[in-house]
């Protein structure tokens, strides 16, 4: 049970860091806007941004425009553990 908690906590932290890095590299404010797709600018729902699980379910693609995000999100979340 403790391992699951550590994995989930690390996934949330890594996902937040990746989001901040992507926003900073694209000159997007960190506090103004909700999570969105960089390709179609559609706001993502809460279930679209669950670390690792949503990457597997959505196959690393945007639910709306089907743009490919890359595998590095899920890989980085798993490597930190």
N, C-alpha and C. Protein backbone atom coordinates (compact mmCIF):
# COMPACT_ATOMS: atom_id res chain seq x y z
N UNK A 1 0.82 -1.19 0.00
CA UNK A 1 0.00 0.00 0.00
C UNK A 1 0.87 1.26 0.00
N UNK A 2 1.94 1.21 0.75
CA UNK A 2 2.84 2.36 0.83
C UNK A 2 3.49 2.62 -0.53
N UNK A 3 3.83 1.56 -1.25
CA UNK A 3 4.44 1.72 -2.57
C UNK A 3 3.50 2.41 -3.55
N UNK A 4 2.23 2.10 -3.47
CA UNK A 4 1.25 2.73 -4.35
C UNK A 4 1.15 4.22 -4.04
N UNK A 5 1.13 4.57 -2.77
CA UNK A 5 1.06 5.98 -2.36
C UNK A 5 2.30 6.73 -2.84
N UNK A 6 3.46 6.15 -2.70
CA UNK A 6 4.70 6.80 -3.14
C UNK A 6 4.70 6.98 -4.65
N UNK A 7 4.25 5.96 -5.38
CA UNK A 7 4.18 6.06 -6.84
C UNK A 7 3.22 7.17 -7.27
N UNK A 8 2.03 7.23 -6.68
CA UNK A 8 1.06 8.27 -7.02
C UNK A 8 1.58 9.66 -6.67
N UNK A 9 2.19 9.81 -5.52
CA UNK A 9 2.73 11.11 -5.11
C UNK A 9 3.83 11.56 -6.07
N UNK A 10 4.74 10.66 -6.40
CA UNK A 10 5.82 10.99 -7.33
C UNK A 10 5.27 11.32 -8.73
N UNK A 11 4.25 10.61 -9.16
CA UNK A 11 3.65 10.88 -10.46
C UNK A 11 3.05 12.27 -10.52
N UNK A 12 2.39 12.68 -9.45
CA UNK A 12 1.79 14.01 -9.41
C UNK A 12 2.87 15.08 -9.45
N UNK A 13 3.94 14.89 -8.68
CA UNK A 13 5.03 15.87 -8.65
C UNK A 13 5.71 15.97 -10.01
N UNK A 14 6.03 14.84 -10.61
CA UNK A 14 6.72 14.84 -11.91
C UNK A 14 5.81 15.44 -12.99
N UNK A 15 4.54 15.11 -12.96
CA UNK A 15 3.60 15.65 -13.93
C UNK A 15 3.50 17.17 -13.82
N UNK A 16 3.51 17.69 -12.61
CA UNK A 16 3.47 19.13 -12.39
C UNK A 16 4.73 19.80 -12.91
N UNK A 17 5.88 19.19 -12.69
CA UNK A 17 7.14 19.74 -13.17
C UNK A 17 7.19 19.74 -14.70
N UNK A 18 6.72 18.67 -15.33
CA UNK A 18 6.69 18.59 -16.79
C UNK A 18 5.76 19.65 -17.36
N UNK A 19 4.61 19.85 -16.72
CA UNK A 19 3.66 20.87 -17.16
C UNK A 19 4.27 22.26 -17.06
N UNK A 20 4.93 22.54 -15.94
CA UNK A 20 5.57 23.85 -15.76
C UNK A 20 6.67 24.06 -16.78
N UNK A 21 7.46 23.04 -17.06
CA UNK A 21 8.54 23.17 -18.05
C UNK A 21 7.98 23.41 -19.45
N UNK A 22 6.92 22.72 -19.80
CA UNK A 22 6.31 22.92 -21.12
C UNK A 22 5.74 24.33 -21.25
N UNK A 23 5.10 24.80 -20.19
CA UNK A 23 4.53 26.15 -20.23
C UNK A 23 5.63 27.21 -20.32
N UNK A 24 6.69 27.05 -19.55
CA UNK A 24 7.78 28.03 -19.57
C UNK A 24 8.49 28.04 -20.92
N UNK A 25 8.66 26.88 -21.53
CA UNK A 25 9.35 26.83 -22.82
C UNK A 25 8.49 27.41 -23.95
N UNK A 26 7.17 27.46 -23.75
CA UNK A 26 6.27 28.03 -24.76
C UNK A 26 5.76 29.42 -24.37
N UNK A 27 6.35 30.02 -23.35
CA UNK A 27 6.00 31.37 -22.88
C UNK A 27 4.53 31.50 -22.49
N UNK A 28 4.02 30.51 -21.76
CA UNK A 28 2.65 30.52 -21.27
C UNK A 28 2.70 30.74 -19.76
N UNK A 29 1.80 31.56 -19.25
CA UNK A 29 1.77 31.84 -17.82
C UNK A 29 1.47 30.57 -17.01
N UNK A 30 2.08 30.47 -15.86
CA UNK A 30 1.87 29.30 -15.00
C UNK A 30 0.57 29.36 -14.21
N UNK A 31 0.01 30.54 -14.02
CA UNK A 31 -1.14 30.63 -13.13
C UNK A 31 -2.45 31.06 -13.80
N UNK A 32 -2.42 31.50 -15.01
CA UNK A 32 -3.61 32.06 -15.63
C UNK A 32 -4.58 30.99 -16.14
N UNK A 33 -4.09 30.03 -16.88
CA UNK A 33 -4.96 29.13 -17.63
C UNK A 33 -4.92 27.70 -17.10
N UNK A 34 -6.03 26.99 -17.28
CA UNK A 34 -6.07 25.57 -16.94
C UNK A 34 -5.18 24.79 -17.90
N UNK A 35 -5.04 23.50 -17.64
CA UNK A 35 -4.28 22.64 -18.55
C UNK A 35 -4.99 22.59 -19.90
N UNK A 36 -4.21 22.66 -20.96
CA UNK A 36 -4.78 22.69 -22.30
C UNK A 36 -3.85 21.97 -23.26
N UNK A 37 -4.39 21.65 -24.43
CA UNK A 37 -3.60 21.04 -25.50
C UNK A 37 -2.85 22.15 -26.22
N UNK A 38 -1.56 21.99 -26.41
CA UNK A 38 -0.76 23.00 -27.10
C UNK A 38 -1.06 23.04 -28.60
N UNK A 39 -1.70 22.01 -29.13
CA UNK A 39 -1.98 21.95 -30.56
C UNK A 39 -3.33 22.58 -30.92
N UNK A 40 -4.39 22.24 -30.16
CA UNK A 40 -5.72 22.76 -30.50
C UNK A 40 -6.25 23.78 -29.48
N UNK A 41 -5.50 24.06 -28.42
CA UNK A 41 -5.86 25.02 -27.37
C UNK A 41 -7.14 24.66 -26.63
N UNK A 42 -7.56 23.42 -26.68
CA UNK A 42 -8.76 22.98 -25.96
C UNK A 42 -8.40 22.72 -24.50
N UNK A 43 -9.24 23.21 -23.58
CA UNK A 43 -9.02 22.94 -22.15
C UNK A 43 -9.23 21.46 -21.87
N UNK A 44 -8.31 20.87 -21.12
CA UNK A 44 -8.40 19.46 -20.81
C UNK A 44 -9.26 19.24 -19.57
N UNK A 45 -10.03 18.17 -19.57
CA UNK A 45 -10.86 17.82 -18.43
C UNK A 45 -9.98 17.22 -17.34
N UNK A 46 -10.51 17.10 -16.14
CA UNK A 46 -9.74 16.58 -15.02
C UNK A 46 -9.27 15.16 -15.27
N UNK A 47 -10.07 14.36 -15.98
CA UNK A 47 -9.69 12.97 -16.22
C UNK A 47 -8.69 12.84 -17.36
N UNK A 48 -8.44 13.92 -18.08
CA UNK A 48 -7.42 13.90 -19.14
C UNK A 48 -6.02 14.12 -18.61
N UNK A 49 -5.88 14.55 -17.36
CA UNK A 49 -4.56 14.90 -16.83
C UNK A 49 -4.13 14.03 -15.65
N UNK A 50 -4.76 12.88 -15.48
CA UNK A 50 -4.34 11.96 -14.42
C UNK A 50 -3.02 11.33 -14.87
N UNK A 51 -1.96 11.46 -14.06
CA UNK A 51 -0.66 10.93 -14.49
C UNK A 51 -0.70 9.43 -14.76
N UNK A 52 0.00 8.98 -15.75
CA UNK A 52 0.20 7.62 -16.20
C UNK A 52 -1.11 6.99 -16.71
N UNK A 53 -2.18 7.04 -15.96
CA UNK A 53 -3.43 6.38 -16.35
C UNK A 53 -4.00 7.02 -17.61
N UNK A 54 -4.09 8.34 -17.63
CA UNK A 54 -4.65 8.99 -18.82
C UNK A 54 -3.72 8.83 -20.02
N UNK A 55 -2.42 8.76 -19.79
CA UNK A 55 -1.48 8.54 -20.90
C UNK A 55 -1.72 7.17 -21.54
N UNK A 56 -2.00 6.18 -20.71
CA UNK A 56 -2.26 4.83 -21.25
C UNK A 56 -3.62 4.76 -21.94
N UNK A 57 -4.64 5.34 -21.32
CA UNK A 57 -5.99 5.28 -21.88
C UNK A 57 -6.08 6.06 -23.19
N UNK A 58 -5.49 7.23 -23.22
CA UNK A 58 -5.57 8.08 -24.41
C UNK A 58 -4.47 7.78 -25.43
N UNK A 59 -3.58 6.86 -25.10
CA UNK A 59 -2.46 6.48 -25.97
C UNK A 59 -1.58 7.67 -26.33
N UNK A 60 -1.32 8.54 -25.32
CA UNK A 60 -0.46 9.72 -25.46
C UNK A 60 -0.94 10.67 -26.55
N UNK A 61 -2.25 10.79 -26.69
CA UNK A 61 -2.82 11.70 -27.68
C UNK A 61 -3.86 12.58 -27.02
N UNK A 62 -4.10 13.72 -27.62
CA UNK A 62 -5.16 14.62 -27.17
C UNK A 62 -6.51 13.98 -27.48
N UNK A 63 -7.42 14.04 -26.53
CA UNK A 63 -8.75 13.46 -26.72
C UNK A 63 -9.53 14.20 -27.82
N UNK A 64 -9.22 15.44 -28.06
CA UNK A 64 -10.01 16.29 -28.95
C UNK A 64 -9.44 16.38 -30.36
N UNK A 65 -8.15 16.64 -30.51
CA UNK A 65 -7.57 16.78 -31.85
C UNK A 65 -6.70 15.58 -32.24
N UNK A 66 -6.46 14.68 -31.31
CA UNK A 66 -5.67 13.45 -31.53
C UNK A 66 -4.21 13.73 -31.87
N UNK A 67 -3.71 14.90 -31.45
CA UNK A 67 -2.29 15.21 -31.63
C UNK A 67 -1.47 14.35 -30.66
N UNK A 68 -0.34 13.89 -31.11
CA UNK A 68 0.51 12.99 -30.32
C UNK A 68 1.37 13.81 -29.36
N UNK A 69 1.34 13.46 -28.06
CA UNK A 69 2.12 14.18 -27.05
C UNK A 69 3.52 13.62 -26.88
N UNK A 70 3.73 12.39 -27.21
CA UNK A 70 5.02 11.75 -26.99
C UNK A 70 4.96 10.85 -25.77
N UNK A 71 5.86 9.92 -25.71
CA UNK A 71 5.87 8.94 -24.62
C UNK A 71 6.64 9.42 -23.40
N UNK A 72 7.33 10.54 -23.50
CA UNK A 72 8.19 10.95 -22.40
C UNK A 72 7.43 11.31 -21.13
N UNK A 73 6.17 11.71 -21.23
CA UNK A 73 5.38 12.00 -20.03
C UNK A 73 5.24 10.74 -19.17
N UNK A 74 4.77 9.67 -19.77
CA UNK A 74 4.57 8.42 -19.02
C UNK A 74 5.91 7.81 -18.60
N UNK A 75 6.91 7.90 -19.46
CA UNK A 75 8.22 7.31 -19.13
C UNK A 75 8.85 8.03 -17.94
N UNK A 76 8.81 9.36 -17.94
CA UNK A 76 9.37 10.11 -16.82
C UNK A 76 8.64 9.82 -15.51
N UNK A 77 7.33 9.69 -15.58
CA UNK A 77 6.57 9.37 -14.37
C UNK A 77 6.96 8.00 -13.82
N UNK A 78 7.21 7.04 -14.68
CA UNK A 78 7.57 5.70 -14.22
C UNK A 78 9.02 5.62 -13.77
N UNK A 79 9.92 6.39 -14.38
CA UNK A 79 11.33 6.33 -14.03
C UNK A 79 11.62 6.91 -12.65
N UNK A 80 10.87 7.91 -12.24
CA UNK A 80 11.10 8.55 -10.95
C UNK A 80 10.85 7.59 -9.81
N UNK A 81 9.90 6.68 -9.99
CA UNK A 81 9.59 5.75 -8.92
C UNK A 81 10.76 4.85 -8.68
